[in-house]
C-alpha cells in the first residue's frame, strides 16, 4: 500500500511494524534484535531484494537477467549451474551502493554471507550494530557511517574508484566505541590497505598488527583544516607501520605506543594531547612533532634514527605543574630541533643518548623542574655553534642547579663559593647585582672611616686593647707590599680596614666586568 511505504527517499519497501521506515532503514539497537529475532529474517530478505534491484537495473538488453534469478544467486544456492547465469556474470564488476541502512547485530549474522557474494560495495551513511564485517574478497568503502559497538578492524579489500580519492576503507566515519585489530597468536595480523581518513574515533587499539600502508590518510594538509578532529585514545603495541604515520590537527586524551616499529616517517603536527607515552619504539624515518601541545610527555628506551623535530611544541601548561618532559634511555642518531619549544613542566635529558647536540634556540625551559645535566647539554649545544650569549645563560642555570644540589656538609668550600657567585652576579648573568653591591660597600666604607673609634671613649677600659689590636692588623696590612700604596689614608689606623674593602672592591669590579662581557660576548 502506498501509505505504508518507507519514508526513505527512493525506497519501495513497506514500513516495518510501527516505524516510519522499512526493515532496512529503521533504527535498531543491540538488545532489540535479541528480543525480536524476526527482524533478522525480514532484514536479510529485504537486503537481498534491495541488492537484486540494483544488479538488474545495471544490465543491458543483451545481458538482461530477471530479478528472481538474481535473488536466487544472492541466497547462495549451491545448485547454480545454468550457463545463462554464468555467461551473464551477474556479480563480477558490479558496484552496489548501500545507503542509510541500519545493519543489526545478531549471533549468526548470516546476511553477511550475502555481502560476501558481491564484488564491490559502497556504504554511505549506514549504521552498524554488529562488531565486525569480515568480507573476504569483497571490495569496500565506508563513508559517513556510524559504528555503535566495538569494531574489529579486518583486512578489507579496497574499493578504489573516483569517489574514493583518499584510497581508504573508512572516510568521515564515527566510531562510538573501541576500534581494535585482530590479535595474532604466533604472527602479526596483516592489513594491506589504509583504513582511516578524517574519522572520529573513541579509542583505537592496535596490537600485533602489520600495516603495509598508512593508518590515516587525511590528504589535506593540517593548515587547511578549520577545526581539530578528535581521537580520544590511541594504543599501539607490538606492531609495525610500513608507510608514513600521519596525524595532524587532532585532539587526543592519550597516545600510548610500545614495542612498535615505524618503518617510514612519523608526522604528528599541530595536535593537542593530554598524555603522550612512548616505550621501546623505533622510528626509522623522519619524525615531526611541529607545533604540538603536550600536557604530559614521556619517551623511554626508544630509538630515533633520523632527524627529529619538536619546533614550537609546548610541554605542560603555563602556571600548572605537569610531569616533566622526559627522554629516558632514548637514543637519537641524528639531529634534534627544539627551536622555540616551551617546556613549562621542565625538561629531562639526563639519560638521553645524543649523537649530536640539539638546537634549543629561543626555547623557554622552566628551571625549577629541570636538572643540572640537562642545562649542561643545552649549554654545550650553544657553545658548539658559537652562540656564547645563550651558552652563558644556561651556564648560570647549570651552576644554580649545582648550588641547589650540593650539600654544605659534603663540600663546604664549594657551597660557599657557589653561593657567593650567585649572590654577587648570578654567575655572571647580572651586572646590576655587583653594581649595587659596590654602591653599598662604598657607603659602608665611608661611614666606617668617619666613625672609627668615635663611639668608644678613651676612658673606656676596652679602648686600649682595641687600639693595640687595630695597630697590629694595620702593621700586618702594611707588610703586604703589593697593596701598601693603596692602603694610605688621611686617617691613621685604617690600613687593615682599607685592605678588606680593597679586596671587596676588586672582587665586585671583576664580577661587574665579567657580567658586562658575558651579556655582550664571552
Protein backbone atom coordinates (compact mmCIF):
# COMPACT_ATOMS: atom_id res chain seq x y z
CA UNK A 1 0.00 0.00 0.00
CA UNK A 2 1.18 3.47 -0.90
CA UNK A 3 0.62 4.91 2.57
CA UNK A 4 2.77 2.19 4.16
CA UNK A 5 5.89 2.76 2.07
CA UNK A 6 9.24 3.54 3.74
CA UNK A 7 9.83 7.25 4.32
CA UNK A 8 13.39 6.97 2.99
CA UNK A 9 13.51 8.61 -0.42
CA UNK A 10 13.62 6.09 -3.26
CA UNK A 11 12.81 3.06 -1.09
CA UNK A 12 9.83 0.97 -2.24
CA UNK A 13 9.67 -1.38 0.75
CA UNK A 14 6.84 -1.26 3.27
CA UNK A 15 7.40 0.15 6.75
CA UNK A 16 8.40 -2.29 9.50
CA UNK A 17 5.71 -2.60 12.17
CA UNK A 18 5.15 0.81 13.84
CA UNK A 19 8.20 2.51 12.31
CA UNK A 20 8.17 5.11 9.54
CA UNK A 21 10.92 3.21 7.74
CA UNK A 22 11.30 -0.26 6.31
CA UNK A 23 13.23 -3.06 7.97
CA UNK A 24 16.42 -1.88 6.24
CA UNK A 25 16.27 1.79 7.19
CA UNK A 26 14.56 1.73 10.60
CA UNK A 27 16.62 2.37 13.73
CA UNK A 28 17.81 -0.73 15.56
CA UNK A 29 19.71 -1.49 18.71
CA UNK A 30 21.61 -4.44 20.16
CA UNK A 31 19.05 -5.58 22.75
CA UNK A 32 16.06 -5.11 20.43
CA UNK A 33 17.44 -7.64 17.96
CA UNK A 34 17.77 -10.31 20.62
CA UNK A 35 14.17 -9.87 21.71
CA UNK A 36 12.85 -9.67 18.14
CA UNK A 37 14.73 -12.28 16.05
CA UNK A 38 12.06 -12.00 13.38
CA UNK A 39 13.58 -8.66 12.35
CA UNK A 40 16.66 -10.58 11.26
CA UNK A 41 14.86 -12.71 8.67
CA UNK A 42 12.98 -9.69 7.43
CA UNK A 43 16.21 -7.73 7.16
CA UNK A 44 18.03 -10.43 5.19
CA UNK A 45 15.13 -10.85 2.76
CA UNK A 46 14.82 -7.09 2.19
CA UNK A 47 18.59 -6.69 1.77
CA UNK A 48 18.66 -9.39 -0.94
CA UNK A 49 15.78 -7.73 -2.82
CA UNK A 50 17.41 -4.29 -2.49
CA UNK A 51 20.70 -5.56 -3.95
CA UNK A 52 18.89 -7.52 -6.68
CA UNK A 53 17.06 -4.39 -7.83
CA UNK A 54 20.42 -2.58 -8.29
CA UNK A 55 22.00 -5.50 -10.13
CA UNK A 56 19.06 -5.87 -12.54
CA UNK A 57 18.94 -2.12 -13.22
CA UNK A 58 22.58 -2.20 -14.36
CA UNK A 59 22.00 -4.87 -17.01
CA UNK A 60 21.71 -4.03 -20.70
CA UNK A 61 19.20 -5.64 -23.04
CA UNK A 62 21.83 -8.09 -24.23
CA UNK A 63 22.79 -9.11 -20.68
CA UNK A 64 19.36 -8.85 -19.08
CA UNK A 65 18.56 -11.21 -16.22
CA UNK A 66 15.37 -11.28 -14.18
CA UNK A 67 15.24 -10.29 -10.51
CA UNK A 68 14.16 -13.74 -9.32
CA UNK A 69 17.32 -15.30 -10.75
CA UNK A 70 19.50 -12.68 -9.08
CA UNK A 71 17.75 -13.30 -5.77
CA UNK A 72 18.35 -16.99 -6.26
CA UNK A 73 22.08 -16.28 -6.67
CA UNK A 74 22.26 -13.97 -3.65
CA UNK A 75 20.58 -16.53 -1.45
CA UNK A 76 23.68 -18.65 -2.01
CA UNK A 77 22.05 -21.69 -3.56
CA UNK A 78 24.62 -24.36 -4.38
CA UNK A 79 22.84 -25.74 -7.45
CA UNK A 80 23.55 -22.72 -9.61
CA UNK A 81 24.89 -24.27 -12.80
CA UNK A 82 22.90 -22.59 -15.55
CA UNK A 83 25.05 -21.47 -18.47
CA UNK A 84 22.80 -18.45 -18.73
CA UNK A 85 23.75 -17.33 -15.20
CA UNK A 86 27.46 -18.00 -15.73
CA UNK A 87 27.59 -16.19 -19.07
CA UNK A 88 25.81 -13.11 -17.75
CA UNK A 89 28.39 -12.85 -14.97
CA UNK A 90 25.86 -11.20 -12.68
CA UNK A 91 28.07 -10.30 -9.74
CA UNK A 92 31.57 -9.63 -11.06
CA UNK A 93 32.33 -5.97 -11.74
CA UNK A 94 29.07 -4.67 -10.23
CA UNK A 95 29.19 -1.88 -7.63
CA UNK A 96 26.41 -1.92 -5.04
CA UNK A 97 25.53 1.23 -3.10
CA UNK A 98 24.01 0.72 0.34
CA UNK A 99 22.83 4.00 1.86
CA UNK A 100 21.23 4.86 5.23
CA UNK A 101 20.82 1.18 6.11
CA UNK A 102 20.90 0.14 9.78
CA UNK A 103 22.71 -3.19 9.98
CA UNK A 104 21.52 -5.18 13.03
CA UNK A 105 23.54 -7.37 15.33
CA UNK A 106 22.52 -10.99 15.65
CA UNK A 107 24.55 -14.01 16.71
CA UNK A 108 24.51 -15.76 13.35
CA UNK A 109 24.58 -12.65 11.12
CA UNK A 110 24.06 -14.80 8.05
CA UNK A 111 23.16 -11.77 5.96
CA UNK A 112 26.93 -11.13 5.86
CA UNK A 113 27.13 -14.14 3.52
CA UNK A 114 25.00 -12.15 1.08
CA UNK A 115 27.50 -9.28 1.16
CA UNK A 116 30.38 -11.72 0.69
CA UNK A 117 28.97 -12.76 -2.69
CA UNK A 118 29.23 -9.20 -4.04
CA UNK A 119 32.21 -7.79 -5.90
CA UNK A 120 32.16 -4.16 -4.64
CA UNK A 121 30.10 -2.29 -2.01
CA UNK A 122 29.92 1.39 -1.11
CA UNK A 123 28.35 2.03 2.31
CA UNK A 124 27.03 5.59 2.71
CA UNK A 125 25.54 6.97 5.96
CA UNK A 126 24.93 3.45 7.25
CA UNK A 127 24.68 2.40 10.91
CA UNK A 128 26.28 -0.79 12.22
CA UNK A 129 25.33 -2.55 15.45
CA UNK A 130 27.48 -5.60 14.72
CA UNK A 131 31.10 -5.93 15.88
CA UNK A 132 32.83 -6.73 12.61
CA UNK A 133 32.19 -7.14 8.91
CA UNK A 134 34.68 -9.65 7.58
CA UNK A 135 34.18 -9.67 3.82
CA UNK A 136 36.75 -11.82 2.08
CA UNK A 137 37.48 -10.54 -1.40
CA UNK A 138 34.62 -8.01 -1.50
CA UNK A 139 35.97 -4.52 -2.16
CA UNK A 140 34.51 -1.96 0.29
CA UNK A 141 34.32 1.74 1.03
CA UNK A 142 32.56 3.18 4.11
CA UNK A 143 31.69 6.88 4.02
CA UNK A 144 29.92 8.90 6.77
CA UNK A 145 28.94 5.69 8.58
CA UNK A 146 28.35 5.24 12.32
CA UNK A 147 29.52 2.22 14.30
CA UNK A 148 27.63 1.82 17.58
CA UNK A 149 29.54 -1.09 19.15
CA UNK A 150 33.16 -2.19 19.48
CA UNK A 151 34.51 -2.65 15.97
CA UNK A 152 37.18 -5.09 14.80
CA UNK A 153 39.45 -3.79 12.05
CA UNK A 154 39.83 -6.55 9.47
CA UNK A 155 41.92 -6.86 6.32
CA UNK A 156 39.30 -5.47 3.93
CA UNK A 157 39.89 -5.11 0.19
CA UNK A 158 39.91 -1.51 -1.03
CA UNK A 159 37.22 -0.17 -3.35
CA UNK A 160 39.34 2.16 -5.48
CA UNK A 161 37.20 4.34 -7.72
CA UNK A 162 36.62 8.03 -8.47
CA UNK A 163 34.64 8.82 -5.30
CA UNK A 164 37.33 7.33 -3.05
CA UNK A 165 40.01 9.94 -3.68
CA UNK A 166 41.65 9.18 -0.35
CA UNK A 167 42.12 5.48 -1.17
CA UNK A 168 40.92 4.41 2.29
CA UNK A 169 38.39 1.97 3.74
CA UNK A 170 36.66 4.38 6.19
CA UNK A 171 36.15 8.08 5.48
CA UNK A 172 34.45 10.54 7.84
CA UNK A 173 33.07 7.67 9.91
CA UNK A 174 32.11 7.88 13.58
CA UNK A 175 33.22 5.03 15.86
CA UNK A 176 31.30 5.42 19.11
CA UNK A 177 33.19 2.67 20.95
CA UNK A 178 36.56 0.91 20.72
CA UNK A 179 38.17 0.05 17.39
CA UNK A 180 40.66 -2.81 17.63
CA UNK A 181 42.63 -5.11 15.38
CA UNK A 182 42.53 -8.88 15.36
CA UNK A 183 45.12 -10.37 17.69
CA UNK A 184 47.59 -12.74 16.05
CA UNK A 185 48.88 -15.50 18.31
CA UNK A 186 52.09 -16.59 16.57
CA UNK A 187 52.40 -13.89 13.92
CA UNK A 188 51.26 -10.36 13.20
CA UNK A 189 47.89 -9.73 11.64
CA UNK A 190 48.41 -8.03 8.25
CA UNK A 191 46.31 -5.13 6.97
CA UNK A 192 47.03 -4.29 3.35
CA UNK A 193 45.12 -1.02 2.86
CA UNK A 194 44.89 2.35 4.61
CA UNK A 195 41.89 2.23 6.96
CA UNK A 196 41.02 5.80 8.05
CA UNK A 197 40.54 9.31 6.75
CA UNK A 198 39.02 12.12 8.85
CA UNK A 199 37.24 9.69 11.16
CA UNK A 200 36.10 10.32 14.73
CA UNK A 201 37.36 7.50 16.92
CA UNK A 202 36.71 6.99 20.62
CA UNK A 203 39.55 4.52 21.20
CA UNK A 204 41.88 2.81 18.73
CA UNK A 205 43.63 -0.35 19.98
CA UNK A 206 46.28 -1.79 17.64
CA UNK A 207 48.24 -4.85 18.71
CA UNK A 208 50.35 -7.46 16.89
CA UNK A 209 49.46 -5.89 13.54
CA UNK A 210 51.47 -5.04 10.44
CA UNK A 211 50.08 -2.16 8.39
CA UNK A 212 51.58 -2.28 4.92
CA UNK A 213 50.35 1.24 4.18
CA UNK A 214 49.38 4.29 6.22
CA UNK A 215 46.87 4.02 9.07
CA UNK A 216 45.50 7.53 8.48
CA UNK A 217 45.32 9.47 5.24
CA UNK A 218 43.66 12.84 5.65
CA UNK A 219 45.12 14.10 2.37
CA UNK A 220 44.50 17.77 3.20
CA UNK A 221 47.36 19.50 4.96
CA UNK A 222 46.63 20.41 8.57
CA UNK A 223 46.89 24.14 7.82
CA UNK A 224 43.79 23.84 5.65
CA UNK A 225 41.63 22.28 8.38
CA UNK A 226 39.32 24.70 10.19
CA UNK A 227 38.55 22.58 13.27
CA UNK A 228 40.56 19.92 15.04
CA UNK A 229 39.48 16.33 14.53
CA UNK A 230 39.10 14.04 17.51
CA UNK A 231 40.52 10.69 18.50
CA UNK A 232 40.23 10.25 22.24
CA UNK A 233 42.70 7.41 22.76
CA UNK A 234 45.25 5.51 20.66
CA UNK A 235 47.18 2.48 21.91
CA UNK A 236 49.67 0.71 19.64
CA UNK A 237 51.73 -2.28 20.78
CA UNK A 238 53.90 -4.99 19.20
CA UNK A 239 53.15 -3.72 15.69
CA UNK A 240 54.82 -2.43 12.52
CA UNK A 241 53.76 0.52 10.41
CA UNK A 242 55.09 0.12 6.86
CA UNK A 243 54.33 3.57 5.46
CA UNK A 244 54.16 7.10 6.88
CA UNK A 245 52.24 7.50 10.12
CA UNK A 246 50.50 10.85 9.79
CA UNK A 247 48.15 12.50 12.28
CA UNK A 248 47.74 16.27 12.02
CA UNK A 249 45.34 18.69 13.71
CA UNK A 250 43.78 16.21 16.16
CA UNK A 251 42.77 16.34 19.80
CA UNK A 252 43.70 13.35 21.98
CA UNK A 253 43.23 12.27 25.54
CA UNK A 254 46.14 9.87 25.26
CA UNK A 255 48.59 8.34 22.78
CA UNK A 256 50.47 5.26 24.01
CA UNK A 257 52.84 3.22 21.89
CA UNK A 258 55.22 0.40 22.88
CA UNK A 259 57.26 -2.35 21.23
CA UNK A 260 56.49 -0.94 17.78
CA UNK A 261 58.49 -0.06 14.66
CA UNK A 262 57.62 2.87 12.40
CA UNK A 263 59.44 1.97 9.18
CA UNK A 264 58.78 5.32 7.47
CA UNK A 265 58.19 8.93 8.55
CA UNK A 266 56.23 9.80 11.68
CA UNK A 267 54.25 13.06 11.36
CA UNK A 268 52.37 14.40 14.39
CA UNK A 269 51.79 18.12 13.77
CA UNK A 270 49.55 20.72 15.43
CA UNK A 271 47.90 18.26 17.78
CA UNK A 272 46.62 18.81 21.32
CA UNK A 273 47.21 15.84 23.60
CA UNK A 274 46.87 15.25 27.32
CA UNK A 275 49.15 12.22 27.70
CA UNK A 276 51.86 11.06 25.26
CA UNK A 277 53.85 7.92 26.16
CA UNK A 278 56.38 6.05 24.01
CA UNK A 279 58.19 2.93 25.25
CA UNK A 280 60.61 0.70 23.31
CA UNK A 281 59.68 2.16 19.92
CA UNK A 282 61.94 2.52 16.87
CA UNK A 283 61.45 5.40 14.43
CA UNK A 284 63.31 4.66 11.19
CA UNK A 285 62.19 7.74 9.25
CA UNK A 286 61.92 11.48 9.87
CA UNK A 287 59.93 12.42 12.97
CA UNK A 288 57.99 15.69 13.12
CA UNK A 289 56.01 16.99 16.13
CA UNK A 290 55.84 20.59 14.90
CA UNK A 291 53.58 22.93 16.94
CA UNK A 292 52.03 20.15 19.05
CA UNK A 293 50.89 20.77 22.63
CA UNK A 294 51.60 18.04 25.19
CA UNK A 295 50.35 18.15 28.76
CA UNK A 296 52.21 15.00 29.85
CA UNK A 297 55.13 13.70 27.74
CA UNK A 298 57.45 10.72 28.23
CA UNK A 299 59.66 8.73 25.86
CA UNK A 300 61.57 5.73 27.21
CA UNK A 301 64.01 3.19 25.71
CA UNK A 302 63.28 4.29 22.15
CA UNK A 303 65.43 4.98 19.08
CA UNK A 304 65.16 7.87 16.60
CA UNK A 305 67.30 7.04 13.58
CA UNK A 306 66.80 10.26 11.58
CA UNK A 307 66.07 13.96 12.08
CA UNK A 308 63.57 14.70 14.87
CA UNK A 309 61.67 17.98 15.05
CA UNK A 310 59.96 19.46 18.14
CA UNK A 311 59.83 23.05 16.84
CA UNK A 312 57.25 25.31 18.55
CA UNK A 313 55.98 22.45 20.73
CA UNK A 314 54.61 23.10 24.21
CA UNK A 315 55.15 20.70 27.09
CA UNK A 316 52.90 21.11 30.12
CA UNK A 317 50.78 24.19 30.77
CA UNK A 318 51.82 27.63 31.91
CA UNK A 319 51.33 28.16 35.66
CA UNK A 320 50.33 24.48 36.08
CA UNK A 321 52.67 21.67 37.11
CA UNK A 322 52.57 18.54 34.96
CA UNK A 323 55.10 15.67 34.83
CA UNK A 324 58.49 16.67 33.45
CA UNK A 325 59.03 16.11 29.72
CA UNK A 326 61.39 13.16 29.90
CA UNK A 327 63.58 11.34 27.36
CA UNK A 328 64.63 8.34 29.42
CA UNK A 329 67.25 5.99 27.92
CA UNK A 330 66.27 7.34 24.49
CA UNK A 331 68.77 7.34 21.63
CA UNK A 332 68.92 10.00 18.90
CA UNK A 333 71.14 9.02 15.98
CA UNK A 334 70.60 12.29 14.11
CA UNK A 335 69.95 15.96 14.75
CA UNK A 336 67.13 17.14 17.06
CA UNK A 337 65.39 20.51 16.76
CA UNK A 338 63.71 22.11 19.81
CA UNK A 339 63.65 25.63 18.33
CA UNK A 340 61.03 27.87 20.03
CA UNK A 341 59.76 24.98 22.17
CA UNK A 342 58.29 25.75 25.58
CA UNK A 343 58.90 23.36 28.47
CA UNK A 344 56.53 24.64 31.15
CA UNK A 345 56.87 21.38 33.08
CA UNK A 346 60.66 21.23 32.76
CA UNK A 347 62.92 19.01 30.63
CA UNK A 348 64.97 15.92 31.46
CA UNK A 349 67.72 14.84 29.02
CA UNK A 350 69.99 13.38 31.69
CA UNK A 351 69.53 9.80 30.48
CA UNK A 352 69.23 10.55 26.76
CA UNK A 353 71.88 9.34 24.30
CA UNK A 354 72.67 12.12 21.86
CA UNK A 355 74.87 11.69 18.81
CA UNK A 356 74.57 15.41 18.04
CA UNK A 357 73.73 18.33 20.29
CA UNK A 358 70.16 19.64 19.73
CA UNK A 359 69.03 23.12 18.68
CA UNK A 360 67.47 24.98 21.63
CA UNK A 361 67.32 28.47 20.10
CA UNK A 362 64.56 30.67 21.56
CA UNK A 363 63.40 27.91 23.93
CA UNK A 364 61.65 28.54 27.21
CA UNK A 365 62.55 25.99 29.88
CA UNK A 366 61.13 26.11 33.39
CA UNK A 367 64.28 25.99 35.53
CA UNK A 368 62.52 24.83 38.68
CA UNK A 369 61.80 21.36 37.22
CA UNK A 370 64.93 20.88 35.06
CA UNK A 371 68.10 19.13 36.26
CA UNK A 372 71.74 20.23 36.03
CA UNK A 373 72.79 17.71 33.36
CA UNK A 374 70.08 18.92 31.01
CA UNK A 375 71.31 22.51 31.35
CA UNK A 376 74.87 21.30 30.69
CA UNK A 377 73.73 19.63 27.44
CA UNK A 378 71.91 22.80 26.36
CA UNK A 379 74.95 24.94 27.25
CA UNK A 380 77.24 22.79 25.10
CA UNK A 381 74.76 22.85 22.21
CA UNK A 382 75.08 26.64 22.08
CA UNK A 383 78.87 26.51 22.58
CA UNK A 384 79.13 24.19 19.58
CA UNK A 385 77.54 26.74 17.22
CA UNK A 386 79.34 29.74 18.78
CA UNK A 387 76.26 31.23 20.49
CA UNK A 388 78.15 32.26 23.63
CA UNK A 389 75.45 34.59 24.96
CA UNK A 390 72.88 31.79 25.21
CA UNK A 391 75.58 29.41 26.43
CA UNK A 392 76.38 31.79 29.29
CA UNK A 393 72.70 31.95 30.25
CA UNK A 394 72.45 28.17 30.53
CA UNK A 395 75.81 28.03 32.31
CA UNK A 396 74.19 30.17 35.02
CA UNK A 397 71.23 27.76 35.19
CA UNK A 398 73.67 24.84 35.44
CA UNK A 399 75.56 26.46 38.34
CA UNK A 400 72.31 27.37 40.08
CA UNK A 401 71.27 23.70 39.99
CA UNK A 402 74.72 22.72 41.28
CA UNK A 403 74.28 25.21 44.13
CA UNK A 404 70.88 23.72 45.00
CA UNK A 405 72.09 20.13 44.88
CA UNK A 406 75.41 20.33 46.74
CA UNK A 407 75.30 19.77 50.49
CA UNK A 408 77.17 22.15 52.82
CA UNK A 409 78.19 19.12 54.88
CA UNK A 410 79.64 17.39 51.82
CA UNK A 411 81.72 20.28 50.43
CA UNK A 412 81.72 23.49 52.47
CA UNK A 413 84.21 25.38 50.27
CA UNK A 414 82.31 24.69 47.04
CA UNK A 415 78.98 25.56 48.63
CA UNK A 416 80.33 28.90 49.89
CA UNK A 417 81.88 29.81 46.54
CA UNK A 418 78.73 28.92 44.61
CA UNK A 419 76.62 31.00 46.99
CA UNK A 420 78.96 33.98 46.68
CA UNK A 421 78.89 33.77 42.88
CA UNK A 422 75.10 33.57 42.93
CA UNK A 423 74.61 36.49 45.33
CA UNK A 424 77.19 38.74 43.67
CA UNK A 425 76.35 38.37 39.95
CA UNK A 426 74.12 35.31 39.41
CA UNK A 427 77.12 33.51 37.91
CA UNK A 428 77.98 36.39 35.59
CA UNK A 429 74.46 36.97 34.25
CA UNK A 430 73.63 40.16 36.17
CA UNK A 431 75.71 43.35 36.05
CA UNK A 432 73.20 45.15 38.26
CA UNK A 433 73.90 43.00 41.31
CA UNK A 434 77.67 43.76 41.54
CA UNK A 435 76.97 47.44 40.84
CA UNK A 436 74.51 47.60 43.74
CA UNK A 437 76.99 45.76 45.95
CA UNK A 438 79.72 48.30 45.03
CA UNK A 439 77.48 51.25 45.91
CA UNK A 440 76.55 49.62 49.20
CA UNK A 441 80.18 48.87 50.09
CA UNK A 442 81.16 52.47 49.25
CA UNK A 443 78.59 53.81 51.72
CA UNK A 444 79.64 51.30 54.38
CA UNK A 445 83.31 52.16 53.88
CA UNK A 446 82.55 55.87 54.17
CA UNK A 447 80.68 55.56 57.46
CA UNK A 448 83.31 53.26 58.94
CA UNK A 449 86.12 55.66 58.05
CA UNK A 450 84.24 58.61 59.51
CA UNK A 451 83.10 56.84 62.66
CA UNK A 452 86.05 54.63 63.66
CA UNK A 453 86.60 54.62 67.45
CA UNK A 454 84.36 57.70 67.84
CA UNK A 455 81.76 55.55 69.56
CA UNK A 456 84.31 54.38 72.20
CA UNK A 457 85.56 56.80 74.87
CA UNK A 458 89.31 56.83 75.63
CA UNK A 459 88.42 56.33 79.28
CA UNK A 460 86.73 53.02 78.47
CA UNK A 461 88.75 50.02 79.66
CA UNK A 462 88.48 48.30 76.27
CA UNK A 463 89.78 51.29 74.33
CA UNK A 464 93.48 50.48 74.76
CA UNK A 465 93.16 46.72 73.93
CA UNK A 466 91.19 47.56 70.80
CA UNK A 467 93.75 50.16 69.80
CA UNK A 468 96.59 47.69 70.23
CA UNK A 469 94.70 45.07 68.21
CA UNK A 470 94.00 47.64 65.50
CA UNK A 471 97.62 48.67 65.29
CA UNK A 472 98.63 45.01 64.94
CA UNK A 473 96.32 44.44 61.98
CA UNK A 474 97.37 47.77 60.40
CA UNK A 475 101.03 46.74 60.59
CA UNK A 476 100.08 43.38 59.13
CA UNK A 477 98.28 45.06 56.24
CA UNK A 478 101.24 47.37 55.57
CA UNK A 479 103.50 44.33 55.35
CA UNK A 480 101.66 43.19 52.19
CA UNK A 481 103.89 45.07 49.78
CA UNK A 482 101.72 44.93 46.61
CA UNK A 483 98.83 46.60 48.44
CA UNK A 484 100.82 49.06 50.60
CA UNK A 485 100.44 52.05 48.32
CA UNK A 486 96.66 51.52 48.13
CA UNK A 487 96.20 51.48 51.90
CA UNK A 488 97.31 55.03 52.73
CA UNK A 489 94.61 57.17 54.30
CA UNK A 490 94.22 60.65 55.72
CA UNK A 491 93.30 58.99 58.94
CA UNK A 492 95.84 56.80 60.74
CA UNK A 493 94.95 53.29 61.83
CA UNK A 494 92.76 52.46 58.77
CA UNK A 495 95.21 50.27 56.85
CA UNK A 496 93.63 46.91 57.71
CA UNK A 497 90.09 48.12 57.09
CA UNK A 498 91.17 49.60 53.76
CA UNK A 499 92.74 46.23 52.85
CA UNK A 500 89.43 44.41 53.50
CA UNK A 501 87.50 46.90 51.41
CA UNK A 502 90.13 46.83 48.66
CA UNK A 503 89.63 43.08 48.31
CA UNK A 504 85.87 43.55 48.26
CA UNK A 505 86.09 46.31 45.62
CA UNK A 506 88.39 44.21 43.46
CA UNK A 507 86.08 41.19 43.63
CA UNK A 508 82.96 43.21 42.85
CA UNK A 509 84.54 45.16 39.99
CA UNK A 510 85.86 41.93 38.49
CA UNK A 511 82.37 40.41 38.63
CA UNK A 512 80.89 43.56 37.10
CA UNK A 513 83.30 43.43 34.17
CA UNK A 514 82.68 39.69 33.64
CA UNK A 515 78.91 40.20 33.69
CA UNK A 516 79.07 43.01 31.13
CA UNK A 517 81.31 40.92 28.85
CA UNK A 518 79.06 37.86 29.10
CA UNK A 519 76.00 39.85 28.16
CA UNK A 520 77.77 41.09 25.03
CA UNK A 521 80.33 38.37 24.29
CA UNK A 522 82.48 35.79 26.03
